Amino acid sequence: MATAADAAREFITGPQVIQAARLLLESFSLKQLCEALANARPDDAEPLIGALERLTEFEEVRAMLFGAEVAAFLVAGATASDARIRQMVARMLVQLAKGGENICQRLAENGLFASCEQLLVDSETSTAEAAARVLHHAVQCPAGFQVIIGANENDGGLSSHLQGQLQGLGDVERVRILQLFVDLGRLSEDAFVSLEARGAYKQVIGSFLTDDLLLKLVAVELMDSLGAFPAGQQLLSKHGLPAQFARELADPCCDESVRLCVTALLGRVLQRTPEVQGVLLASHEAPFPQTVAALLGSRSPSDRLCGLEAWANASAHTGGLAFFCRWRPFLDELVALAASPQNEVCKCASACWVFVLKQHPLSPTAAGAAPAAVAAMSAGAAGPETLELWVAAEQRIMPLALKNLTGKPFPDIRVQTWRLLAALIGSETCARAIVPSQEVRDTLFDFTSEQNSEARIAKHEFVVAMGSLAWLEAFLGEEGTAILTEYQRQGPHWTPHVAAVGVGDQSSS
């Protein structure tokens, strides 16, 4: 007679379909499989573990896991001496936690979310990471939120208990719990408010602002995560933290990974909270702008990417834009990077210029002015810093973008080039130079010019942007305009049956 281990072995080696799961459970119930695993020899444990993990992938089976005996087995399994069983429990809970609010309610009632506390500090990283994913799902449903965050001020839930244990944990486990706090706050605004009130994020930041270099390096990823969502960015703008982070950049012994992390963080903080510009952008000699300038001037692509993104974020508001636009050596470097021979840098520079141009569109009056007139304008809906930005875009960025269209034919770069040209269309001066340019003439009506799907989409965005030009039909003629109008309507993957129209070449017919 076949044993539970034999049946499990047959199940995991066969097709993973619900019919196979039903056949296994007709022979051995979940309770019997759990009992068999509890008493299994080492060579039988593996197939039983694999079978139980895979059974949780079937929605039909999940409800069966909440029988009293099976739930008790899972709770006990979270503290089992066998690492494989602990890992199995964590993986099973991940599958269950994905099942929605009703399943989460039952997990909470059976104490299965609470069992993650032990799994989070497991010596096996994969087990601990799986337990964290369980809580990521849990905090987004009412029952799970109550278990993790607590029902009221007097009940701090699982997170409060974990916070109290931090000092007794090793560095790896402590950072793991702090990362969980950051993730919970990212996933739930209410969780962020509660955790901040309890000082959880003060502990996160403290792990980075320390004299312990090893701990600081470990905490770099923590800070990246905290600065990656709005509530975290808002927090980092308060309590004098921007000035503290800037002092990190001024430290000549600052580690490279710390420098990149802090620069990226401060760029995001400036985008979210422009009020800190007075602290971070006090002068061109201040630590933050000096670091951004040094990164742009580096030969390392990763340095340049970080510097570009920090500039773009800091320039999202007029104060930061004015600060950097009027720093001529800095602006010269920014322009040059839009044609960098390093492809990743060229792509990032183009994307950053698109972002900044979209943040500061020209007013209708300024959009139609000639470059010299634009430079002379100092008032109106578009402020002087916006006009300075567009002067640089018209005179220096636009020619580079057109060269990139033919000189850098790689699909990933063409995506950013088309998007940059679409953004530049926001200036009438640019539009009147771009549309009749040879580079655009050669590709606009060539519906096979882009083989990459994303590049096709980007080219279509450019064509849609052209639709706002009042003089387009007079330039293209009726036939060319009709084709472009249909292209705009049909989408990026449309190809006309006959497409042999040349841009601005209608008079010879």
Protein backbone atom coordinates (compact mmCIF):
# COMPACT_ATOMS: atom_id res chain seq x y z
CA MET A 1 0.00 0.00 0.00
CA ALA A 2 1.34 3.44 -0.96
CA THR A 3 2.38 5.72 1.90
CA ALA A 4 1.65 9.43 2.19
CA ALA A 5 5.25 10.11 1.15
CA ASP A 6 4.86 7.91 -1.95
CA ALA A 7 1.65 9.71 -2.93
CA ALA A 8 3.31 13.10 -2.34
CA ARG A 9 6.28 12.07 -4.44
CA GLU A 10 4.00 11.09 -7.32
CA PHE A 11 2.10 14.39 -6.99
CA ILE A 12 5.14 16.67 -7.17
CA THR A 13 6.62 14.85 -10.15
CA GLY A 14 3.40 14.95 -12.16
CA PRO A 15 1.50 17.78 -13.82
CA GLN A 16 0.53 20.54 -11.38
CA VAL A 17 -3.22 20.58 -12.04
CA ILE A 18 -6.20 20.59 -9.69
CA GLN A 19 -7.15 17.06 -10.75
CA ALA A 20 -3.82 15.78 -9.40
CA ALA A 21 -4.36 17.68 -6.16
CA ARG A 22 -7.82 16.14 -5.76
CA LEU A 23 -6.44 12.67 -6.40
CA LEU A 24 -3.80 13.12 -3.68
CA LEU A 25 -6.32 14.46 -1.16
CA GLU A 26 -8.71 11.57 -1.88
CA SER A 27 -5.96 9.23 -0.68
CA PHE A 28 -4.54 11.36 2.14
CA SER A 29 -6.20 14.37 3.75
CA LEU A 30 -4.24 17.49 4.63
CA LYS A 31 -4.30 16.41 8.25
CA GLN A 32 -2.79 13.03 7.31
CA LEU A 33 -0.11 14.67 5.16
CA CYS A 34 0.84 16.96 8.06
CA GLU A 35 0.96 14.03 10.48
CA ALA A 36 3.10 12.08 8.02
CA LEU A 37 5.51 14.99 7.75
CA ALA A 38 5.73 15.33 11.53
CA ASN A 39 6.95 11.72 11.75
CA ALA A 40 8.75 11.44 8.39
CA ARG A 41 12.21 10.08 7.75
CA PRO A 42 14.58 12.61 6.10
CA ASP A 43 14.16 11.09 2.62
CA ASP A 44 10.36 11.22 2.92
CA ALA A 45 10.19 14.75 4.32
CA GLU A 46 11.19 16.46 1.08
CA PRO A 47 8.29 15.21 -1.09
CA LEU A 48 5.79 15.83 1.70
CA ILE A 49 7.03 19.40 2.11
CA GLY A 50 6.90 19.95 -1.65
CA ALA A 51 3.37 18.54 -1.87
CA LEU A 52 2.02 20.72 0.95
CA GLU A 53 3.58 23.83 -0.56
CA ARG A 54 2.11 23.15 -3.98
CA LEU A 55 -1.32 22.31 -2.64
CA THR A 56 -1.65 25.85 -1.28
CA GLU A 57 -1.40 27.16 -4.84
CA PHE A 58 -4.90 25.82 -5.53
CA GLU A 59 -7.72 28.02 -4.29
CA GLU A 60 -9.94 24.98 -3.81
CA VAL A 61 -7.47 23.54 -1.28
CA ARG A 62 -6.80 26.69 0.73
CA ALA A 63 -10.03 26.56 2.70
CA MET A 64 -9.07 23.07 3.92
CA LEU A 65 -5.96 24.45 5.59
CA PHE A 66 -7.98 26.08 8.35
CA GLY A 67 -9.06 22.92 10.06
CA ALA A 68 -8.01 23.00 13.71
CA GLU A 69 -5.37 20.27 13.35
CA VAL A 70 -3.79 21.66 10.18
CA ALA A 71 -3.71 25.24 11.51
CA ALA A 72 -2.12 23.99 14.73
CA PHE A 73 0.49 22.11 12.70
CA LEU A 74 1.38 25.28 10.79
CA VAL A 75 1.69 27.33 13.98
CA ALA A 76 3.94 24.67 15.49
CA GLY A 77 5.87 24.37 12.25
CA ALA A 78 6.93 28.02 12.50
CA THR A 79 9.15 27.05 15.45
CA ALA A 80 10.16 23.56 14.23
CA SER A 81 13.78 22.56 14.62
CA ASP A 82 13.88 21.45 10.97
CA ALA A 83 14.69 24.49 8.78
CA ARG A 84 12.88 22.88 5.83
CA ILE A 85 9.59 22.78 7.74
CA ARG A 86 9.94 26.41 8.83
CA GLN A 87 10.59 27.38 5.23
CA MET A 88 7.58 25.36 4.08
CA VAL A 89 5.31 27.08 6.61
CA ALA A 90 6.53 30.51 5.49
CA ARG A 91 5.95 29.68 1.82
CA MET A 92 2.50 28.26 2.51
CA LEU A 93 1.52 31.39 4.43
CA VAL A 94 2.63 33.57 1.51
CA GLN A 95 0.29 31.68 -0.82
CA LEU A 96 -2.55 31.90 1.67
CA ALA A 97 -2.06 35.61 2.39
CA LYS A 98 -2.56 36.36 -1.31
CA GLY A 99 -6.09 34.95 -1.04
CA GLY A 100 -7.85 38.18 -0.12
CA GLU A 101 -9.61 39.62 2.89
CA ASN A 102 -11.60 36.53 3.90
CA ILE A 103 -8.53 34.31 3.91
CA CYS A 104 -6.57 36.95 5.85
CA GLN A 105 -9.36 37.04 8.42
CA ARG A 106 -9.01 33.29 8.96
CA LEU A 107 -5.23 33.49 9.10
CA ALA A 108 -5.54 36.11 11.83
CA GLU A 109 -8.11 34.09 13.77
CA ASN A 110 -5.86 31.01 13.73
CA GLY A 111 -2.81 32.93 14.96
CA LEU A 112 -0.90 32.35 11.73
CA PHE A 113 0.10 35.99 11.21
CA ALA A 114 1.45 36.07 14.75
CA SER A 115 3.58 33.00 13.98
CA CYS A 116 5.53 35.13 11.51
CA GLU A 117 7.31 36.83 14.41
CA GLN A 118 9.59 33.86 14.86
CA LEU A 119 10.02 33.32 11.13
CA LEU A 120 11.16 36.93 10.60
CA VAL A 121 14.34 36.28 12.58
CA ASP A 122 14.95 32.84 11.09
CA SER A 123 18.55 31.99 10.27
CA GLU A 124 17.47 31.11 6.72
CA THR A 125 17.15 34.34 4.74
CA SER A 126 14.59 32.91 2.31
CA THR A 127 12.33 31.90 5.21
CA ALA A 128 12.56 35.34 6.80
CA GLU A 129 11.87 37.07 3.47
CA ALA A 130 8.81 34.87 2.91
CA ALA A 131 7.50 35.78 6.39
CA ALA A 132 7.93 39.48 5.57
CA ARG A 133 5.92 39.02 2.36
CA VAL A 134 3.12 37.46 4.41
CA LEU A 135 2.92 40.60 6.54
CA HIS A 136 3.08 42.82 3.43
CA HIS A 137 -0.18 41.23 2.28
CA ALA A 138 -1.64 41.14 5.79
CA VAL A 139 -1.27 44.85 6.58
CA GLN A 140 -3.49 45.71 3.61
CA CYS A 141 -6.56 43.99 5.08
CA PRO A 142 -8.36 44.98 8.31
CA ALA A 143 -7.78 41.75 10.21
CA GLY A 144 -4.10 41.61 9.32
CA PHE A 145 -3.64 45.31 10.08
CA GLN A 146 -5.05 44.79 13.54
CA VAL A 147 -2.68 41.91 14.24
CA ILE A 148 0.39 43.78 12.96
CA ILE A 149 -0.28 47.39 14.02
CA GLY A 150 -2.72 46.83 16.87
CA ALA A 151 -6.36 47.60 17.58
CA ASN A 152 -5.75 50.76 19.64
CA GLU A 153 -3.11 52.80 21.48
CA ASN A 154 -2.84 50.18 24.20
CA ASP A 155 -2.41 47.33 21.74
CA GLY A 156 0.68 47.82 19.61
CA GLY A 157 0.31 44.52 17.83
CA LEU A 158 3.08 42.42 16.39
CA SER A 159 5.06 45.46 15.20
CA SER A 160 5.28 46.90 18.71
CA HIS A 161 6.56 43.59 20.04
CA LEU A 162 9.16 43.40 17.27
CA GLN A 163 10.22 46.98 17.96
CA GLY A 164 10.80 46.14 21.60
CA GLN A 165 13.08 43.24 20.66
CA LEU A 166 15.34 45.23 18.30
CA GLN A 167 18.13 45.88 20.78
CA GLY A 168 18.56 42.18 21.48
CA LEU A 169 18.89 41.18 17.83
CA GLY A 170 21.99 40.89 15.67
CA ASP A 171 22.65 43.53 13.01
CA VAL A 172 21.24 41.44 10.16
CA GLU A 173 18.02 40.57 11.97
CA ARG A 174 17.61 44.13 13.26
CA VAL A 175 17.93 45.61 9.78
CA ARG A 176 15.49 42.99 8.51
CA ILE A 177 12.85 44.13 11.03
CA LEU A 178 13.52 47.80 10.27
CA GLN A 179 13.08 47.04 6.56
CA LEU A 180 9.74 45.46 7.41
CA PHE A 181 8.65 48.67 9.16
CA VAL A 182 9.57 50.67 6.05
CA ASP A 183 7.70 48.27 3.78
CA LEU A 184 4.59 48.32 6.00
CA GLY A 185 4.58 52.12 5.92
CA ARG A 186 4.93 52.12 2.14
CA LEU A 187 1.99 49.75 1.75
CA SER A 188 -0.34 51.40 4.28
CA GLU A 189 -0.56 55.10 5.13
CA ASP A 190 -2.25 54.26 8.44
CA ALA A 191 0.55 51.86 9.29
CA PHE A 192 3.09 54.58 8.53
CA VAL A 193 1.36 57.04 10.85
CA SER A 194 1.24 54.50 13.70
CA LEU A 195 4.83 53.34 13.25
CA GLU A 196 6.12 56.90 13.03
CA ALA A 197 4.27 57.83 16.23
CA ARG A 198 5.96 54.91 18.01
CA GLY A 199 9.41 56.00 16.87
CA ALA A 200 9.98 53.07 14.51
CA TYR A 201 11.31 55.31 11.73
CA LYS A 202 13.51 57.17 14.16
CA GLN A 203 15.20 53.83 14.72
CA VAL A 204 15.43 53.28 10.96
CA ILE A 205 17.15 56.63 10.45
CA GLY A 206 19.33 56.12 13.53
CA SER A 207 20.72 52.92 12.04
CA PHE A 208 22.06 55.03 9.17
CA LEU A 209 23.16 58.16 11.02
CA THR A 210 25.67 56.26 13.11
CA ASP A 211 29.43 56.20 13.55
CA ASP A 212 29.37 52.44 13.00
CA LEU A 213 30.48 52.28 9.35
CA LEU A 214 29.49 48.64 8.87
CA LEU A 215 25.98 49.26 10.19
CA LYS A 216 25.71 52.41 8.06
CA LEU A 217 26.60 50.43 4.94
CA VAL A 218 24.04 47.77 5.78
CA ALA A 219 21.41 50.48 6.32
CA VAL A 220 21.93 52.12 2.90
CA GLU A 221 19.21 49.99 1.36
CA LEU A 222 16.90 50.88 4.25
CA MET A 223 17.26 54.57 3.51
CA ASP A 224 16.78 54.01 -0.21
CA SER A 225 13.49 52.29 0.59
CA LEU A 226 12.35 54.97 3.03
CA GLY A 227 13.03 57.71 0.50
CA ALA A 228 11.19 55.92 -2.31
CA PHE A 229 7.60 56.82 -1.33
CA PRO A 230 5.87 60.11 -0.46
CA ALA A 231 5.35 59.63 3.28
CA GLY A 232 8.97 58.57 3.73
CA GLN A 233 10.23 61.54 1.74
CA GLN A 234 8.08 63.87 3.83
CA LEU A 235 9.53 62.39 7.01
CA LEU A 236 13.09 62.85 5.77
CA SER A 237 12.42 66.55 5.20
CA LYS A 238 11.66 67.18 8.90
CA HIS A 239 13.48 67.33 12.22
CA GLY A 240 16.62 68.87 10.72
CA LEU A 241 17.36 65.69 8.80
CA PRO A 242 18.26 67.38 5.46
CA ALA A 243 21.07 69.29 7.18
CA GLN A 244 22.28 66.11 8.87
CA PHE A 245 22.35 64.24 5.58
CA ALA A 246 24.15 67.12 3.91
CA ARG A 247 26.87 66.90 6.57
CA GLU A 248 27.33 63.27 5.57
CA LEU A 249 28.20 64.47 2.06
CA ALA A 250 30.69 66.98 3.46
CA ASP A 251 32.59 64.20 5.22
CA PRO A 252 35.76 63.51 3.16
CA CYS A 253 35.66 59.90 4.39
CA CYS A 254 32.10 59.37 3.14
CA ASP A 255 31.77 55.92 1.56
CA GLU A 256 30.81 55.87 -2.13
CA SER A 257 27.59 53.90 -1.58
CA VAL A 258 26.60 56.25 1.25
CA ARG A 259 27.31 59.27 -0.95
CA LEU A 260 25.10 57.95 -3.76
CA CYS A 261 22.34 57.03 -1.32
CA VAL A 262 22.30 60.42 0.41
CA THR A 263 22.44 62.35 -2.87
CA ALA A 264 19.47 60.44 -4.25
CA LEU A 265 17.56 60.90 -0.99
CA LEU A 266 18.11 64.64 -0.88
CA GLY A 267 17.04 65.01 -4.50
CA ARG A 268 13.74 63.27 -3.68
CA VAL A 269 13.30 65.36 -0.55
CA LEU A 270 13.74 68.55 -2.58
CA GLN A 271 11.14 67.38 -5.06
CA ARG A 272 8.67 66.54 -2.28
CA THR A 273 9.43 69.50 0.03
CA PRO A 274 10.89 72.51 -1.79
CA GLU A 275 10.93 74.41 1.52
CA VAL A 276 14.28 72.78 2.33
CA GLN A 277 15.96 74.50 -0.62
CA GLY A 278 17.28 77.16 1.74
CA VAL A 279 19.15 74.45 3.66
CA LEU A 280 20.40 72.31 0.78
CA LEU A 281 20.87 74.94 -1.95
CA ALA A 282 22.27 77.82 0.09
CA SER A 283 25.12 78.29 -2.38
CA HIS A 284 26.98 76.48 -5.15
CA GLU A 285 29.58 75.54 -2.55
CA ALA A 286 27.05 73.72 -0.34
CA PRO A 287 27.61 69.94 0.06
CA PHE A 288 24.58 68.78 -1.95
CA PRO A 289 25.14 70.79 -5.18
CA GLN A 290 28.88 70.17 -4.99
CA THR A 291 28.25 66.44 -4.76
CA VAL A 292 25.77 66.48 -7.66
CA ALA A 293 28.29 68.39 -9.78
CA ALA A 294 31.05 65.93 -8.88
CA LEU A 295 28.83 62.99 -9.81
CA LEU A 296 28.00 64.49 -13.20
CA GLY A 297 31.69 65.03 -13.86
CA SER A 298 32.62 61.48 -12.91
CA ARG A 299 33.50 58.84 -15.48
CA SER A 300 31.39 56.27 -13.65
CA PRO A 301 27.97 55.73 -15.28
CA SER A 302 26.36 54.95 -11.90
CA ASP A 303 27.67 58.25 -10.51
CA ARG A 304 26.35 60.17 -13.48
CA LEU A 305 22.93 58.49 -13.32
CA CYS A 306 22.61 59.40 -9.65
CA GLY A 307 23.67 63.00 -10.30
CA LEU A 308 21.23 63.40 -13.19
CA GLU A 309 18.28 62.09 -11.22
CA ALA A 310 19.19 64.28 -8.23
CA TRP A 311 19.31 67.34 -10.52
CA ALA A 312 15.96 66.51 -12.11
CA ASN A 313 14.24 65.98 -8.75
CA ALA A 314 15.77 69.12 -7.26
CA SER A 315 14.69 71.12 -10.33
CA ALA A 316 11.04 70.09 -10.10
CA HIS A 317 10.32 73.42 -8.42
CA THR A 318 11.29 76.91 -9.56
CA GLY A 319 13.82 77.54 -6.78
CA GLY A 320 15.89 74.49 -7.63
CA LEU A 321 15.50 75.13 -11.36
CA ALA A 322 16.79 78.68 -11.03
CA PHE A 323 19.69 77.54 -8.83
CA PHE A 324 21.00 75.03 -11.36
CA CYS A 325 20.10 76.88 -14.59
CA ARG A 326 22.19 79.86 -13.55
CA TRP A 327 25.21 77.75 -12.64
CA ARG A 328 26.86 77.82 -16.07
CA PRO A 329 29.57 75.14 -15.68
CA PHE A 330 26.95 72.81 -14.23
CA LEU A 331 24.52 73.53 -17.08
CA ASP A 332 27.28 72.89 -19.64
CA GLU A 333 27.85 69.43 -18.14
CA LEU A 334 24.13 68.67 -18.16
CA VAL A 335 23.85 69.55 -21.83
CA ALA A 336 26.88 67.45 -22.78
CA LEU A 337 25.46 64.36 -21.06
CA ALA A 338 22.44 64.40 -23.39
CA ALA A 339 24.84 63.19 -26.10
CA SER A 340 27.06 61.04 -23.89
CA PRO A 341 28.74 58.05 -25.58
CA GLN A 342 27.71 56.04 -22.51
CA ASN A 343 24.30 54.78 -23.61
CA GLU A 344 22.79 54.50 -20.13
CA VAL A 345 23.91 58.04 -19.32
CA CYS A 346 22.52 59.38 -22.61
CA LYS A 347 19.17 57.71 -21.94
CA CYS A 348 18.99 58.98 -18.37
CA ALA A 349 19.99 62.52 -19.37
CA SER A 350 17.28 62.60 -22.04
CA ALA A 351 14.68 61.27 -19.60
CA CYS A 352 15.69 63.83 -16.98
CA TRP A 353 15.42 66.70 -19.45
CA VAL A 354 11.94 65.45 -20.39
CA PHE A 355 10.93 65.37 -16.72
CA VAL A 356 12.18 68.89 -16.02
CA LEU A 357 10.69 70.37 -19.21
CA LYS A 358 7.30 68.87 -18.35
CA GLN A 359 7.50 70.30 -14.84
CA HIS A 360 8.06 73.78 -16.28
CA PRO A 361 6.02 74.18 -19.48
CA LEU A 362 6.16 77.43 -21.39
CA SER A 363 3.22 79.81 -21.30
CA PRO A 364 1.38 80.06 -24.67
CA THR A 365 2.94 83.49 -25.28
CA ALA A 366 6.47 82.36 -24.55
CA ALA A 367 6.01 79.11 -26.45
CA GLY A 368 5.67 80.96 -29.71
CA ALA A 369 8.48 83.44 -29.18
CA ALA A 370 11.80 83.32 -30.96
CA PRO A 371 14.85 82.36 -28.86
CA ALA A 372 16.17 85.90 -28.53
CA ALA A 373 12.76 87.18 -27.49
CA VAL A 374 12.33 84.36 -25.02
CA ALA A 375 15.67 85.19 -23.43
CA ALA A 376 14.61 88.80 -23.02
CA MET A 377 11.30 87.97 -21.36
CA SER A 378 11.39 88.11 -17.59
CA ALA A 379 7.75 88.13 -16.56
CA GLY A 380 4.44 86.49 -17.33
CA ALA A 381 3.01 83.03 -16.69
CA ALA A 382 6.41 81.48 -17.33
CA GLY A 383 8.97 82.84 -14.86
CA PRO A 384 12.51 83.81 -15.83
CA GLU A 385 13.97 80.49 -14.66
CA THR A 386 11.52 78.61 -16.91
CA LEU A 387 12.46 80.77 -19.87
CA GLU A 388 16.16 80.17 -19.18
CA LEU A 389 15.50 76.44 -19.14
CA TRP A 390 13.76 76.57 -22.50
CA VAL A 391 16.43 78.76 -24.03
CA ALA A 392 18.95 76.03 -23.16
CA ALA A 393 16.56 73.40 -24.54
CA GLU A 394 15.97 75.28 -27.80
CA GLN A 395 19.55 76.26 -28.49
CA ARG A 396 21.50 73.33 -27.09
CA ILE A 397 19.39 70.25 -26.30
CA MET A 398 17.24 70.19 -29.44
CA PRO A 399 20.21 69.88 -31.86
CA LEU A 400 21.63 67.03 -29.78
CA ALA A 401 18.28 65.23 -29.72
CA LEU A 402 18.03 65.42 -33.51
CA LYS A 403 21.57 64.06 -33.88
CA ASN A 404 20.72 61.21 -31.50
CA LEU A 405 17.77 60.26 -33.69
CA THR A 406 20.14 59.19 -36.47
CA GLY A 407 23.46 58.83 -34.65
CA LYS A 408 22.17 56.54 -31.88
CA PRO A 409 19.85 54.04 -33.58
CA PHE A 410 19.65 51.69 -30.58
CA PRO A 411 16.00 51.01 -29.65
CA ASP A 412 16.36 51.89 -25.97
CA ILE A 413 17.95 55.27 -26.76
CA ARG A 414 15.43 56.03 -29.50
CA VAL A 415 12.65 55.63 -26.91
CA GLN A 416 14.09 58.49 -24.88
CA THR A 417 15.00 60.52 -27.98
CA TRP A 418 11.42 60.47 -29.31
CA ARG A 419 10.10 61.40 -25.87
CA LEU A 420 12.56 64.28 -25.63
CA LEU A 421 11.52 65.55 -29.07
CA ALA A 422 7.86 65.27 -28.01
CA ALA A 423 8.58 67.40 -24.94
CA LEU A 424 10.48 69.96 -27.02
CA ILE A 425 7.44 70.38 -29.26
CA GLY A 426 6.07 72.41 -26.34
CA SER A 427 8.17 75.26 -27.72
CA GLU A 428 7.01 76.70 -31.04
CA THR A 429 10.62 77.57 -31.81
CA CYS A 430 11.63 73.95 -31.35
CA ALA A 431 8.64 72.66 -33.27
CA ARG A 432 9.46 74.80 -36.32
CA ALA A 433 13.00 73.42 -36.27
CA ILE A 434 12.19 69.78 -35.48
CA VAL A 435 9.37 69.03 -37.93
CA PRO A 436 11.21 70.08 -41.13
CA SER A 437 14.57 68.68 -39.98
CA GLN A 438 16.18 66.02 -42.16
CA GLU A 439 16.32 63.62 -39.22
CA VAL A 440 12.53 63.74 -38.77
CA ARG A 441 11.85 63.84 -42.51
CA ASP A 442 13.70 60.54 -42.87
CA THR A 443 11.74 58.72 -40.16
CA LEU A 444 8.33 60.30 -39.58
CA PHE A 445 6.50 58.48 -42.40
CA ASP A 446 8.72 55.41 -42.26
CA PHE A 447 6.43 53.09 -40.33
CA THR A 448 9.15 50.44 -40.14
CA SER A 449 11.72 52.77 -38.53
CA GLU A 450 11.04 51.38 -35.05
CA GLN A 451 11.14 47.62 -34.54
CA ASN A 452 11.00 47.81 -30.76
CA SER A 453 7.50 48.12 -29.25
CA GLU A 454 8.45 50.75 -26.68
CA ALA A 455 10.19 52.80 -29.38
CA ARG A 456 7.04 52.64 -31.51
CA ILE A 457 5.02 53.90 -28.56
CA ALA A 458 7.48 56.76 -27.99
CA LYS A 459 7.39 57.76 -31.67
CA HIS A 460 3.60 57.75 -31.52
CA GLU A 461 3.77 60.09 -28.48
CA PHE A 462 5.83 62.46 -30.61
CA VAL A 463 3.26 62.34 -33.42
CA VAL A 464 0.44 63.00 -30.95
CA ALA A 465 2.39 66.02 -29.62
CA MET A 466 2.68 67.30 -33.20
CA GLY A 467 -1.10 67.33 -33.43
CA SER A 468 -1.21 70.55 -31.40
CA LEU A 469 0.65 72.50 -34.12
CA ALA A 470 -1.79 74.79 -35.92
CA TRP A 471 0.42 75.13 -39.00
CA LEU A 472 1.08 71.41 -39.49
CA GLU A 473 -1.39 70.85 -42.34
CA ALA A 474 0.00 73.78 -44.30
CA PHE A 475 3.44 72.21 -44.03
CA LEU A 476 2.60 68.54 -44.60
CA GLY A 477 -0.22 68.94 -47.06
CA GLU A 478 -3.62 67.28 -46.95
CA GLU A 479 -2.41 63.73 -47.63
CA GLY A 480 0.42 63.80 -45.10
CA THR A 481 -1.80 65.33 -42.44
CA ALA A 482 -4.48 62.68 -43.07
CA ILE A 483 -1.96 59.89 -42.59
CA LEU A 484 -0.63 61.38 -39.35
CA THR A 485 -4.16 61.97 -38.05
CA GLU A 486 -5.01 58.34 -38.69
CA TYR A 487 -1.72 57.28 -37.09
CA GLN A 488 -2.57 59.31 -33.99
CA ARG A 489 -6.01 57.68 -33.86
CA GLN A 490 -4.99 54.09 -34.57
CA GLY A 491 -2.07 53.90 -32.17
CA PRO A 492 1.66 53.14 -32.23
CA HIS A 493 1.51 49.80 -34.04
CA TRP A 494 -0.56 50.96 -37.00
CA THR A 495 0.92 50.79 -40.50
CA PRO A 496 -0.88 52.29 -43.52
CA HIS A 497 -1.36 50.22 -46.67
CA VAL A 498 0.60 52.80 -48.64
CA ALA A 499 2.95 55.17 -46.84
CA ALA A 500 5.18 56.96 -49.31
CA VAL A 501 4.61 60.54 -48.29
CA GLY A 502 7.64 62.71 -47.63
CA VAL A 503 7.62 65.45 -44.99
CA GLY A 504 7.46 68.90 -46.53
CA ASP A 505 7.82 67.48 -50.05
CA GLN A 506 4.31 67.92 -51.39
CA SER A 507 4.92 70.71 -53.94
CA SER A 508 6.74 68.53 -56.47
CA SER A 509 3.78 66.24 -57.09
